[in-house]
PDB file of N, CA and C in Angstrom:
ATOM      1  N   MET A   1      -0.789  -9.049 -30.637  1.00  0.00           N
ATOM      2  CA  MET A   1       0.025  -8.852 -29.232  1.00  0.00           C
ATOM      3  C   MET A   1       0.204  -9.855 -29.060  1.00  0.00           C
ATOM      4  N   ALA A   2       1.752  -9.846 -28.399  1.00  0.00           N
ATOM      5  CA  ALA A   2       2.284 -11.544 -27.610  1.00  0.00           C
ATOM      6  C   ALA A   2       2.120 -11.817 -26.620  1.00  0.00           C
ATOM      7  N   LYS A   3       1.975 -12.473 -25.902  1.00  0.00           N
ATOM      8  CA  LYS A   3       2.182 -13.303 -24.730  1.00  0.00           C
ATOM      9  C   LYS A   3       2.992 -12.726 -24.008  1.00  0.00           C
ATOM     10  N   TYR A   4       2.882 -12.547 -22.320  1.00  0.00           N
ATOM     11  CA  TYR A   4       3.998 -12.198 -21.825  1.00  0.00           C
ATOM     12  C   TYR A   4       4.392 -13.141 -20.825  1.00  0.00           C
ATOM     13  N   HIS A   5       5.266 -14.215 -20.623  1.00  0.00           N
ATOM     14  CA  HIS A   5       5.618 -14.812 -19.442  1.00  0.00           C
ATOM     15  C   HIS A   5       6.663 -13.954 -18.323  1.00  0.00           C
ATOM     16  N   PRO A   6       6.162 -13.671 -17.511  1.00  0.00           N
ATOM     17  CA  PRO A   6       7.275 -13.105 -16.390  1.00  0.00           C
ATOM     18  C   PRO A   6       8.327 -13.938 -15.854  1.00  0.00           C
ATOM     19  N   ILE A   7       9.734 -13.432 -15.435  1.00  0.00           N
ATOM     20  CA  ILE A   7      10.512 -14.764 -14.658  1.00  0.00           C
ATOM     21  C   ILE A   7      10.058 -15.045 -13.821  1.00  0.00           C
ATOM     22  N   ASP A   8      10.873 -16.000 -13.180  1.00  0.00           N
ATOM     23  CA  ASP A   8      10.295 -16.574 -11.587  1.00  0.00           C
ATOM     24  C   ASP A   8      10.639 -15.785 -10.907  1.00  0.00           C
ATOM     25  N   MET A   9      11.222 -14.711 -10.879  1.00  0.00           N
ATOM     26  CA  MET A   9      11.759 -14.139  -9.854  1.00  0.00           C
ATOM     27  C   MET A   9      10.697 -12.391  -9.901  1.00  0.00           C
ATOM     28  N   VAL A  10      10.005 -12.125 -11.257  1.00  0.00           N
ATOM     29  CA  VAL A  10       8.535 -11.849 -10.908  1.00  0.00           C
ATOM     30  C   VAL A  10       7.117 -12.464 -11.303  1.00  0.00           C
ATOM     31  N   LYS A  11       5.954 -12.853 -10.341  1.00  0.00           N
ATOM     32  CA  LYS A  11       4.924 -13.373 -11.091  1.00  0.00           C
ATOM     33  C   LYS A  11       4.139 -12.368 -11.532  1.00  0.00           C
ATOM     34  N   HIS A  12       3.835 -10.866 -11.081  1.00  0.00           N
ATOM     35  CA  HIS A  12       2.935 -10.374 -11.906  1.00  0.00           C
ATOM     36  C   HIS A  12       3.345  -8.623 -12.333  1.00  0.00           C
ATOM     37  N   TYR A  13       2.933  -8.336 -13.282  1.00  0.00           N
ATOM     38  CA  TYR A  13       3.315  -6.496 -13.535  1.00  0.00           C
ATOM     39  C   TYR A  13       2.070  -6.118 -13.688  1.00  0.00           C
ATOM     40  N   ARG A  14       2.060  -4.690 -13.066  1.00  0.00           N
ATOM     41  CA  ARG A  14       1.428  -4.469 -12.674  1.00  0.00           C
ATOM     42  C   ARG A  14       1.241  -2.765 -13.476  1.00  0.00           C
ATOM     43  N   GLY A  15       0.200  -2.178 -14.168  1.00  0.00           N
ATOM     44  CA  GLY A  15       0.576  -0.481 -14.426  1.00  0.00           C
ATOM     45  C   GLY A  15       0.802  -0.764 -16.358  1.00  0.00           C
ATOM     46  N   LYS A  16       1.638   0.229 -16.745  1.00  0.00           N
ATOM     47  CA  LYS A  16       2.169   0.486 -17.394  1.00  0.00           C
ATOM     48  C   LYS A  16       3.507   0.671 -17.051  1.00  0.00           C
ATOM     49  N   ILE A  17       4.615  -0.275 -18.382  1.00  0.00           N
ATOM     50  CA  ILE A  17       6.103  -0.682 -18.403  1.00  0.00           C
ATOM     51  C   ILE A  17       6.799   0.365 -19.549  1.00  0.00           C
ATOM     52  N   CYS A  18       7.159   0.718 -19.239  1.00  0.00           N
ATOM     53  CA  CYS A  18       7.965   1.522 -20.470  1.00  0.00           C
ATOM     54  C   CYS A  18       9.944   1.501 -20.342  1.00  0.00           C
ATOM     55  N   MET A  19      10.305   1.722 -20.962  1.00  0.00           N
ATOM     56  CA  MET A  19      11.967   1.496 -20.951  1.00  0.00           C
ATOM     57  C   MET A  19      12.706   2.426 -20.680  1.00  0.00           C
ATOM     58  N   HIS A  20      12.191   3.638 -20.551  1.00  0.00           N
ATOM     59  CA  HIS A  20      12.795   5.053 -20.148  1.00  0.00           C
ATOM     60  C   HIS A  20      12.975   5.584 -18.286  1.00  0.00           C
ATOM     61  N   SER A  21      12.614   4.787 -17.896  1.00  0.00           N
ATOM     62  CA  SER A  21      12.258   5.219 -16.141  1.00  0.00           C
ATOM     63  C   SER A  21      12.399   3.914 -15.284  1.00  0.00           C
ATOM     64  N   ASP A  22      13.060   4.679 -14.110  1.00  0.00           N
ATOM     65  CA  ASP A  22      13.494   2.830 -13.014  1.00  0.00           C
ATOM     66  C   ASP A  22      12.419   2.155 -13.037  1.00  0.00           C
ATOM     67  N   THR A  23      12.760   1.404 -12.581  1.00  0.00           N
ATOM     68  CA  THR A  23      11.707   0.026 -12.013  1.00  0.00           C
ATOM     69  C   THR A  23      11.768  -0.001 -10.629  1.00  0.00           C
ATOM     70  N   TYR A  24      10.344  -0.087 -10.385  1.00  0.00           N
ATOM     71  CA  TYR A  24      10.164  -0.349  -8.575  1.00  0.00           C
ATOM     72  C   TYR A  24       9.533  -1.566  -8.214  1.00  0.00           C
ATOM     73  N   PHE A  25       9.727  -2.286  -7.239  1.00  0.00           N
ATOM     74  CA  PHE A  25       9.353  -3.376  -6.748  1.00  0.00           C
ATOM     75  C   PHE A  25       9.037  -3.174  -5.597  1.00  0.00           C
ATOM     76  N   GLN A  26       8.030  -3.832  -5.540  1.00  0.00           N
ATOM     77  CA  GLN A  26       6.675  -4.141  -4.398  1.00  0.00           C
ATOM     78  C   GLN A  26       5.475  -5.527  -3.967  1.00  0.00           C
ATOM     79  N   LYS A  27       6.082  -5.727  -3.461  1.00  0.00           N
ATOM     80  CA  LYS A  27       5.022  -7.108  -2.566  1.00  0.00           C
ATOM     81  C   LYS A  27       3.444  -6.887  -2.045  1.00  0.00           C
ATOM     82  N   ARG A  28       2.866  -7.450  -2.745  1.00  0.00           N
ATOM     83  CA  ARG A  28       0.898  -7.286  -2.633  1.00  0.00           C
ATOM     84  C   ARG A  28       0.988  -8.602  -1.478  1.00  0.00           C
ATOM     85  N   GLY A  29       0.795  -8.903  -0.672  1.00  0.00           N
ATOM     86  CA  GLY A  29       0.245 -10.059  -0.219  1.00  0.00           C
ATOM     87  C   GLY A  29       1.461 -11.072  -0.444  1.00  0.00           C
ATOM     88  N   LYS A  30       1.361 -12.173  -1.209  1.00  0.00           N
ATOM     89  CA  LYS A  30       2.449 -13.248  -1.643  1.00  0.00           C
ATOM     90  C   LYS A  30       3.030 -12.764  -3.026  1.00  0.00           C
ATOM     91  N   THR A  31       2.286 -11.585  -3.933  1.00  0.00           N
ATOM     92  CA  THR A  31       2.716 -11.387  -5.043  1.00  0.00           C
ATOM     93  C   THR A  31       3.975 -10.003  -5.200  1.00  0.00           C
ATOM     94  N   LEU A  32       5.312 -10.705  -5.843  1.00  0.00           N
ATOM     95  CA  LEU A  32       6.037  -9.873  -5.869  1.00  0.00           C
ATOM     96  C   LEU A  32       5.956  -8.460  -7.540  1.00  0.00           C
ATOM     97  N   CYS A  33       5.720  -7.250  -6.802  1.00  0.00           N
ATOM     98  CA  CYS A  33       5.115  -6.741  -8.635  1.00  0.00           C
ATOM     99  C   CYS A  33       6.033  -5.772  -8.701  1.00  0.00           C
ATOM    100  N   THR A  34       6.377  -5.569 -10.056  1.00  0.00           N
ATOM    101  CA  THR A  34       7.101  -4.537 -10.443  1.00  0.00           C
ATOM    102  C   THR A  34       6.324  -3.667 -11.124  1.00  0.00           C
ATOM    103  N   GLY A  35       7.079  -2.106 -11.352  1.00  0.00           N
ATOM    104  CA  GLY A  35       6.470  -1.028 -12.493  1.00  0.00           C
ATOM    105  C   GLY A  35       6.996   0.260 -12.548  1.00  0.00           C
ATOM    106  N   LYS A  36       7.097   0.748 -13.410  1.00  0.00           N
ATOM    107  CA  LYS A  36       7.955   2.019 -13.638  1.00  0.00           C
ATOM    108  C   LYS A  36       7.686   3.090 -13.881  1.00  0.00           C
ATOM    109  N   ILE A  37       7.818   4.648 -13.452  1.00  0.00           N
ATOM    110  CA  ILE A  37       6.760   5.778 -13.374  1.00  0.00           C
ATOM    111  C   ILE A  37       7.390   6.338 -15.045  1.00  0.00           C
ATOM    112  N   CYS A  38       6.374   6.277 -15.395  1.00  0.00           N
ATOM    113  CA  CYS A  38       7.207   6.987 -16.863  1.00  0.00           C
ATOM    114  C   CYS A  38       6.722   8.641 -16.818  1.00  0.00           C
ATOM    115  N   HIS A  39       6.223   8.955 -16.075  1.00  0.00           N
ATOM    116  CA  HIS A  39       5.737  10.980 -16.224  1.00  0.00           C
ATOM    117  C   HIS A  39       5.906  11.324 -14.765  1.00  0.00           C
ATOM    118  N   PRO A  40       6.797  11.290 -13.881  1.00  0.00           N
ATOM    119  CA  PRO A  40       6.776  11.692 -13.047  1.00  0.00           C
ATOM    120  C   PRO A  40       5.967  13.198 -12.695  1.00  0.00           C
ATOM    121  N   ARG A  41       5.821  14.119 -11.912  1.00  0.00           N
ATOM    122  CA  ARG A  41       4.656  14.567 -11.646  1.00  0.00           C
ATOM    123  C   ARG A  41       5.616  16.455 -11.325  1.00  0.00           C
ATOM    124  N   ASP A  42       5.539  16.570 -12.172  1.00  0.00           N
ATOM    125  CA  ASP A  42       6.602  18.534 -11.781  1.00  0.00           C
ATOM    126  C   ASP A  42       5.828  19.486 -11.326  1.00  0.00           C
ATOM    127  N   LEU A  43       5.866  18.991  -9.885  1.00  0.00           N
ATOM    128  CA  LEU A  43       5.021  19.907  -8.751  1.00  0.00           C
ATOM    129  C   LEU A  43       5.482  21.333  -9.013  1.00  0.00           C
ATOM    130  N   SER A  44       5.914  22.332  -9.832  1.00  0.00           N
ATOM    131  CA  SER A  44       6.121  23.657  -9.980  1.00  0.00           C
ATOM    132  C   SER A  44       5.155  23.778 -11.304  1.00  0.00           C
ATOM    133  N   ALA A  45       4.847  23.133 -12.176  1.00  0.00           N
ATOM    134  CA  ALA A  45       3.798  22.842 -13.077  1.00  0.00           C
ATOM    135  C   ALA A  45       2.423  22.804 -12.760  1.00  0.00           C
ATOM    136  N   LYS A  46       2.425  21.658 -12.004  1.00  0.00           N
ATOM    137  CA  LYS A  46       1.112  21.449 -11.277  1.00  0.00           C
ATOM    138  C   LYS A  46       1.365  20.950  -9.737  1.00  0.00           C
ATOM    139  N   PRO A  47       1.323  21.761  -9.202  1.00  0.00           N
ATOM    140  CA  PRO A  47       1.443  21.252  -7.013  1.00  0.00           C
ATOM    141  C   PRO A  47       0.212  20.758  -6.673  1.00  0.00           C
ATOM    142  N   TYR A  48       0.583  20.498  -6.097  1.00  0.00           N
ATOM    143  CA  TYR A  48      -0.512  19.618  -5.118  1.00  0.00           C
ATOM    144  C   TYR A  48      -1.759  20.573  -4.557  1.00  0.00           C
ATOM    145  N   SER A  49      -2.937  19.961  -5.178  1.00  0.00           N
ATOM    146  CA  SER A  49      -3.867  20.400  -4.843  1.00  0.00           C
ATOM    147  C   SER A  49      -4.878  20.671  -3.408  1.00  0.00           C
ATOM    148  N   GLN A  50      -5.827  21.010  -3.270  1.00  0.00           N
ATOM    149  CA  GLN A  50      -6.155  21.052  -1.269  1.00  0.00           C
ATOM    150  C   GLN A  50      -6.416  19.716  -1.132  1.00  0.00           C
ATOM    151  N   ALA A  51      -7.158  19.059  -1.724  1.00  0.00           N
ATOM    152  CA  ALA A  51      -7.742  17.622  -1.854  1.00  0.00           C
ATOM    153  C   ALA A  51      -6.138  16.872  -1.414  1.00  0.00           C
ATOM    154  N   GLU A  52      -5.533  16.797  -2.564  1.00  0.00           N
ATOM    155  CA  GLU A  52      -4.308  15.438  -1.914  1.00  0.00           C
ATOM    156  C   GLU A  52      -3.832  16.152  -0.850  1.00  0.00           C
ATOM    157  N   LEU A  53      -3.518  17.025  -0.804  1.00  0.00           N
ATOM    158  CA  LEU A  53      -3.019  17.873   0.886  1.00  0.00           C
ATOM    159  C   LEU A  53      -3.568  16.991   2.032  1.00  0.00           C
ATOM    160  N   ALA A  54      -5.618  17.139   1.657  1.00  0.00           N
ATOM    161  CA  ALA A  54      -5.816  16.338   2.916  1.00  0.00           C
ATOM    162  C   ALA A  54      -5.492  15.621   3.272  1.00  0.00           C
ATOM    163  N   ARG A  55      -5.703  14.686   2.003  1.00  0.00           N
ATOM    164  CA  ARG A  55      -5.217  13.248   2.030  1.00  0.00           C
ATOM    165  C   ARG A  55      -4.026  13.197   2.373  1.00  0.00           C
ATOM    166  N   MET A  56      -3.429  13.506   2.211  1.00  0.00           N
ATOM    167  CA  MET A  56      -1.957  13.385   2.691  1.00  0.00           C
ATOM    168  C   MET A  56      -1.380  13.801   4.224  1.00  0.00           C
ATOM    169  N   ASP A  57      -2.010  14.756   4.777  1.00  0.00           N
ATOM    170  CA  ASP A  57      -2.246  15.186   6.127  1.00  0.00           C
ATOM    171  C   ASP A  57      -2.808  13.552   6.829  1.00  0.00           C
ATOM    172  N   LYS A  58      -4.124  13.152   6.135  1.00  0.00           N
ATOM    173  CA  LYS A  58      -4.593  12.181   7.080  1.00  0.00           C
ATOM    174  C   LYS A  58      -4.288  10.577   7.149  1.00  0.00           C
ATOM    175  N   PHE A  59      -3.360  10.955   5.809  1.00  0.00           N
ATOM    176  CA  PHE A  59      -1.947   9.783   5.708  1.00  0.00           C
ATOM    177  C   PHE A  59      -1.062   9.660   7.190  1.00  0.00           C
ATOM    178  N   ALA A  60      -0.512  10.963   7.878  1.00  0.00           N
ATOM    179  CA  ALA A  60       0.432  11.087   8.238  1.00  0.00           C
ATOM    180  C   ALA A  60      -0.392  11.267   9.743  1.00  0.00           C
ATOM    181  N   GLN A  61      -1.232  11.109   9.658  1.00  0.00           N
ATOM    182  CA  GLN A  61      -2.384  10.951  10.647  1.00  0.00           C
ATOM    183  C   GLN A  61      -2.606  10.203  11.838  1.00  0.00           C
ATOM    184  N   ALA A  62      -2.720   9.155  10.255  1.00  0.00           N
ATOM    185  CA  ALA A  62      -2.765   7.476  10.931  1.00  0.00           C
ATOM    186  C   ALA A  62      -1.440   6.887  10.858  1.00  0.00           C
ATOM    187  N   ARG A  63      -0.322   7.393  10.630  1.00  0.00           N
ATOM    188  CA  ARG A  63       0.785   6.739  10.718  1.00  0.00           C
ATOM    189  C   ARG A  63       1.322   6.764  11.834  1.00  0.00           C
ATOM    190  N   ALA A  64       0.721   8.407  12.301  1.00  0.00           N
ATOM    191  CA  ALA A  64       1.562   9.190  14.049  1.00  0.00           C
ATOM    192  C   ALA A  64       0.738   8.013  14.870  1.00  0.00           C
ATOM    193  N   ALA A  65      -0.979   7.664  14.565  1.00  0.00           N
ATOM    194  CA  ALA A  65      -1.785   6.868  15.691  1.00  0.00           C
ATOM    195  C   ALA A  65      -1.393   5.561  15.389  1.00  0.00           C
ATOM    196  N   VAL A  66      -0.771   4.799  14.374  1.00  0.00           N
ATOM    197  CA  VAL A  66      -0.221   3.257  14.779  1.00  0.00           C
ATOM    198  C   VAL A  66       1.403   3.480  15.485  1.00  0.00           C
ATOM    199  N   LYS A  67       2.278   4.673  15.522  1.00  0.00           N
ATOM    200  CA  LYS A  67       3.320   4.357  16.028  1.00  0.00           C
ATOM    201  C   LYS A  67       2.955   5.075  17.564  1.00  0.00           C
ATOM    202  N   ALA A  68       1.889   5.087  17.528  1.00  0.00           N
ATOM    203  CA  ALA A  68       1.691   5.583  19.111  1.00  0.00           C
ATOM    204  C   ALA A  68       0.871   4.532  19.941  1.00  0.00           C
ATOM    205  N   LEU A  69       0.793   3.619  19.263  1.00  0.00           N
ATOM    206  CA  LEU A  69      -0.418   2.608  19.999  1.00  0.00           C
ATOM    207  C   LEU A  69       0.589   1.767  20.887  1.00  0.00           C
ATOM    208  N   THR A  70      -0.603   1.243  22.404  1.00  0.00           N
ATOM    209  CA  THR A  70       0.307   0.498  23.021  1.00  0.00           C
ATOM    210  C   THR A  70       0.401  -0.818  22.858  1.00  0.00           C
ATOM    211  N   ALA A  71       0.961  -1.339  23.096  1.00  0.00           N
ATOM    212  CA  ALA A  71       1.025  -2.942  22.993  1.00  0.00           C
ATOM    213  C   ALA A  71       0.011  -3.875  23.339  1.00  0.00           C
ATOM    214  N   GLU A  72      -1.127  -3.229  24.144  1.00  0.00           N
ATOM    215  CA  GLU A  72      -2.266  -3.590  24.464  1.00  0.00           C
ATOM    216  C   GLU A  72      -2.773  -3.462  23.645  1.00  0.00           C
ATOM    217  N   GLN A  73      -2.813  -2.353  22.761  1.00  0.00           N
ATOM    218  CA  GLN A  73      -3.694  -2.292  21.541  1.00  0.00           C
ATOM    219  C   GLN A  73      -3.753  -2.925  20.278  1.00  0.00           C
ATOM    220  N   ILE A  74      -1.749  -2.904  20.367  1.00  0.00           N
ATOM    221  CA  ILE A  74      -1.462  -3.772  19.364  1.00  0.00           C
ATOM    222  C   ILE A  74      -1.844  -5.079  19.303  1.00  0.00           C
ATOM    223  N   ALA A  75      -1.919  -6.124  20.911  1.00  0.00           N
ATOM    224  CA  ALA A  75      -2.298  -7.031  21.112  1.00  0.00           C
ATOM    225  C   ALA A  75      -3.914  -7.338  20.445  1.00  0.00           C
ATOM    226  N   ALA A  76      -4.763  -6.386  20.964  1.00  0.00           N
ATOM    227  CA  ALA A  76      -6.103  -6.127  20.265  1.00  0.00           C
ATOM    228  C   ALA A  76      -5.862  -6.719  19.310  1.00  0.00           C
ATOM    229  N   TYR A  77      -5.384  -5.509  18.246  1.00  0.00           N
ATOM    230  CA  TYR A  77      -5.190  -5.586  16.755  1.00  0.00           C
ATOM    231  C   TYR A  77      -5.086  -7.030  16.004  1.00  0.00           C
ATOM    232  N   GLN A  78      -4.481  -7.844  16.655  1.00  0.00           N
ATOM    233  CA  GLN A  78      -3.665  -8.721  16.096  1.00  0.00           C
ATOM    234  C   GLN A  78      -4.536 -10.315  16.497  1.00  0.00           C
ATOM    235  N   THR A  79      -5.498 -10.031  17.236  1.00  0.00           N
ATOM    236  CA  THR A  79      -6.217 -11.322  17.630  1.00  0.00           C
ATOM    237  C   THR A  79      -7.216 -11.029  16.531  1.00  0.00           C
ATOM    238  N   ALA A  80      -7.984  -9.442  16.114  1.00  0.00           N
ATOM    239  CA  ALA A  80      -8.774  -9.642  14.842  1.00  0.00           C
ATOM    240  C   ALA A  80      -8.031  -9.397  13.762  1.00  0.00           C
ATOM    241  N   PHE A  81      -6.949  -9.379  13.648  1.00  0.00           N
ATOM    242  CA  PHE A  81      -5.994  -9.907  12.488  1.00  0.00           C
ATOM    243  C   PHE A  81      -6.102 -11.110  12.246  1.00  0.00           C
ATOM    244  N   GLU A  82      -6.101 -12.000  13.120  1.00  0.00           N
ATOM    245  CA  GLU A  82      -5.654 -13.435  12.491  1.00  0.00           C
ATOM    246  C   GLU A  82      -7.389 -13.844  12.297  1.00  0.00           C
ATOM    247  N   ALA A  83      -8.897 -13.456  13.405  1.00  0.00           N
ATOM    248  CA  ALA A  83      -9.647 -13.219  12.850  1.00  0.00           C
ATOM    249  C   ALA A  83      -9.750 -13.037  11.390  1.00  0.00           C
ATOM    250  N   GLN A  84      -9.914 -12.278  10.900  1.00  0.00           N
ATOM    251  CA  GLN A  84     -10.054 -12.001   9.198  1.00  0.00           C
ATOM    252  C   GLN A  84      -8.925 -12.867   8.787  1.00  0.00           C
ATOM    253  N   LEU A  85      -7.528 -13.418   8.889  1.00  0.00           N
ATOM    254  CA  LEU A  85      -7.010 -14.055   8.375  1.00  0.00           C
ATOM    255  C   LEU A  85      -7.703 -15.405   7.793  1.00  0.00           C
ATOM    256  N   LYS A  86      -9.132 -15.583   9.019  1.00  0.00           N
ATOM    257  CA  LYS A  86      -9.621 -16.871   8.500  1.00  0.00           C
ATOM    258  C   LYS A  86     -10.623 -16.549   8.301  1.00  0.00           C
ATOM    259  N   SER A  87     -11.124 -15.919   7.729  1.00  0.00           N
ATOM    260  CA  SER A  87     -12.543 -15.794   6.273  1.00  0.00           C
ATOM    261  C   SER A  87     -11.532 -16.451   5.315  1.00  0.00           C
ATOM    262  N   PRO A  88     -12.888 -16.725   3.972  1.00  0.00           N
ATOM    263  CA  PRO A  88     -12.474 -16.859   3.020  1.00  0.00           C
ATOM    264  C   PRO A  88     -11.426 -16.578   2.216  1.00  0.00           C
ATOM    265  N   LYS A  89     -11.512 -15.180   2.227  1.00  0.00           N
ATOM    266  CA  LYS A  89     -11.086 -14.545   1.290  1.00  0.00           C
ATOM    267  C   LYS A  89     -10.751 -12.807   2.190  1.00  0.00           C
ATOM    268  N   PRO A  90      -9.591 -13.550   2.885  1.00  0.00           N
ATOM    269  CA  PRO A  90      -9.094 -12.134   3.812  1.00  0.00           C
ATOM    270  C   PRO A  90      -8.815 -10.852   2.862  1.00  0.00           C
ATOM    271  N   LYS A  91      -8.595  -9.829   3.754  1.00  0.00           N
ATOM    272  CA  LYS A  91      -8.880  -8.367   2.662  1.00  0.00           C
ATOM    273  C   LYS A  91      -7.119  -8.268   3.196  1.00  0.00           C
ATOM    274  N   TYR A  92      -6.445  -8.511   4.549  1.00  0.00           N
ATOM    275  CA  TYR A  92      -5.226  -8.373   4.536  1.00  0.00           C
ATOM    276  C   TYR A  92      -4.192  -9.013   5.157  1.00  0.00           C
ATOM    277  N   SER A  93      -3.501  -9.091   4.182  1.00  0.00           N
ATOM    278  CA  SER A  93      -2.197 -10.184   4.117  1.00  0.00           C
ATOM    279  C   SER A  93      -1.319  -9.736   5.552  1.00  0.00           C
ATOM    280  N   TYR A  94      -0.888  -8.628   5.993  1.00  0.00           N
ATOM    281  CA  TYR A  94       0.134  -7.793   6.535  1.00  0.00           C
ATOM    282  C   TYR A  94      -1.049  -7.531   8.048  1.00  0.00           C
ATOM    283  N   LEU A  95      -0.287  -8.022   9.106  1.00  0.00           N
ATOM    284  CA  LEU A  95      -0.972  -6.982  10.571  1.00  0.00           C
ATOM    285  C   LEU A  95      -0.468  -5.616   9.978  1.00  0.00           C
ATOM    286  N   GLN A  96       0.382  -4.817   9.991  1.00  0.00           N
ATOM    287  CA  GLN A  96       0.502  -2.896   9.457  1.00  0.00           C
ATOM    288  C   GLN A  96      -0.295  -2.834   8.885  1.00  0.00           C
ATOM    289  N   GLY A  97      -0.828  -3.305   7.454  1.00  0.00           N
ATOM    290  CA  GLY A  97      -1.435  -3.028   6.852  1.00  0.00           C
ATOM    291  C   GLY A  97      -2.934  -3.101   7.543  1.00  0.00           C
ATOM    292  N   PHE A  98      -3.101  -4.050   8.364  1.00  0.00           N
ATOM    293  CA  PHE A  98      -4.865  -4.131   8.953  1.00  0.00           C
ATOM    294  C   PHE A  98      -5.125  -2.839   9.765  1.00  0.00           C
ATOM    295  N   ILE A  99      -3.682  -2.805  10.765  1.00  0.00           N
ATOM    296  CA  ILE A  99      -3.639  -1.765  11.772  1.00  0.00           C
ATOM    297  C   ILE A  99      -3.889  -0.332  11.547  1.00  0.00           C
ATOM    298  N   PHE A 100      -3.102  -0.442  10.008  1.00  0.00           N
ATOM    299  CA  PHE A 100      -2.982   1.328   9.089  1.00  0.00           C
ATOM    300  C   PHE A 100      -4.877   1.373   8.698  1.00  0.00           C
ATOM    301  N   ALA A 101      -4.880   0.511   8.127  1.00  0.00           N
ATOM    302  CA  ALA A 101      -6.494   0.150   7.513  1.00  0.00           C
ATOM    303  C   ALA A 101      -7.250   0.551   8.784  1.00  0.00           C
ATOM    304  N   GLN A 102      -7.484  -0.332  10.261  1.00  0.00           N
ATOM    305  CA  GLN A 102      -8.117   0.610  11.077  1.00  0.00           C
ATOM    306  C   GLN A 102      -8.444   1.646  11.895  1.00  0.00           C
ATOM    307  N   GLU A 103      -6.732   2.707  11.535  1.00  0.00           N
ATOM    308  CA  GLU A 103      -6.245   3.704  12.435  1.00  0.00           C
ATOM    309  C   GLU A 103      -7.150   4.757  11.175  1.00  0.00           C
ATOM    310  N   TYR A 104      -6.592   4.474   9.906  1.00  0.00           N
ATOM    311  CA  TYR A 104      -7.146   5.765   9.071  1.00  0.00           C
ATOM    312  C   TYR A 104      -9.022   5.445   9.068  1.00  0.00           C
ATOM    313  N   ALA A 105      -9.731   4.769   9.322  1.00  0.00           N
ATOM    314  CA  ALA A 105     -10.785   4.857   9.247  1.00  0.00           C
ATOM    315  C   ALA A 105     -11.567   5.933  10.327  1.00  0.00           C
ATOM    316  N   LYS A 106     -10.792   5.286  11.545  1.00  0.00           N
ATOM    317  CA  LYS A 106     -10.938   6.489  12.424  1.00  0.00           C
ATOM    318  C   LYS A 106     -10.858   7.965  12.236  1.00  0.00           C
ATOM    319  N   ILE A 107      -9.622   8.494  11.223  1.00  0.00           N
ATOM    320  CA  ILE A 107      -9.773   9.752  10.864  1.00  0.00           C
ATOM    321  C   ILE A 107     -10.555  10.594   9.945  1.00  0.00           C
ATOM    322  N   VAL A 108     -11.113   9.051   8.749  1.00  0.00           N
ATOM    323  CA  VAL A 108     -11.816   9.815   8.155  1.00  0.00           C
ATOM    324  C   VAL A 108     -13.488   9.338   8.223  1.00  0.00           C
TER     325      VAL A 108
END
């Protein structure tokens, strides 16, 4: 197997990459990632399960909770976020991800 060296624009590839589907880009922390969706799900053949629907509902509740935060609550999350950034290995790179994780944890 040959070694693959990504171009400067893309520093990391994640997951299976093939030539027959659309490419997507996303940023994870300081790394730009790309990928391709090889076999999209056919919902008529395999609809969402109850567990998947429950997860989607919890996600929607967390997004609504984040949107409903007051300026004081966001400021409190900001100080907590900055404190976790000072740790040797911070878990969250962005404030929005940190806030969402905290709100999601309240739901679960």
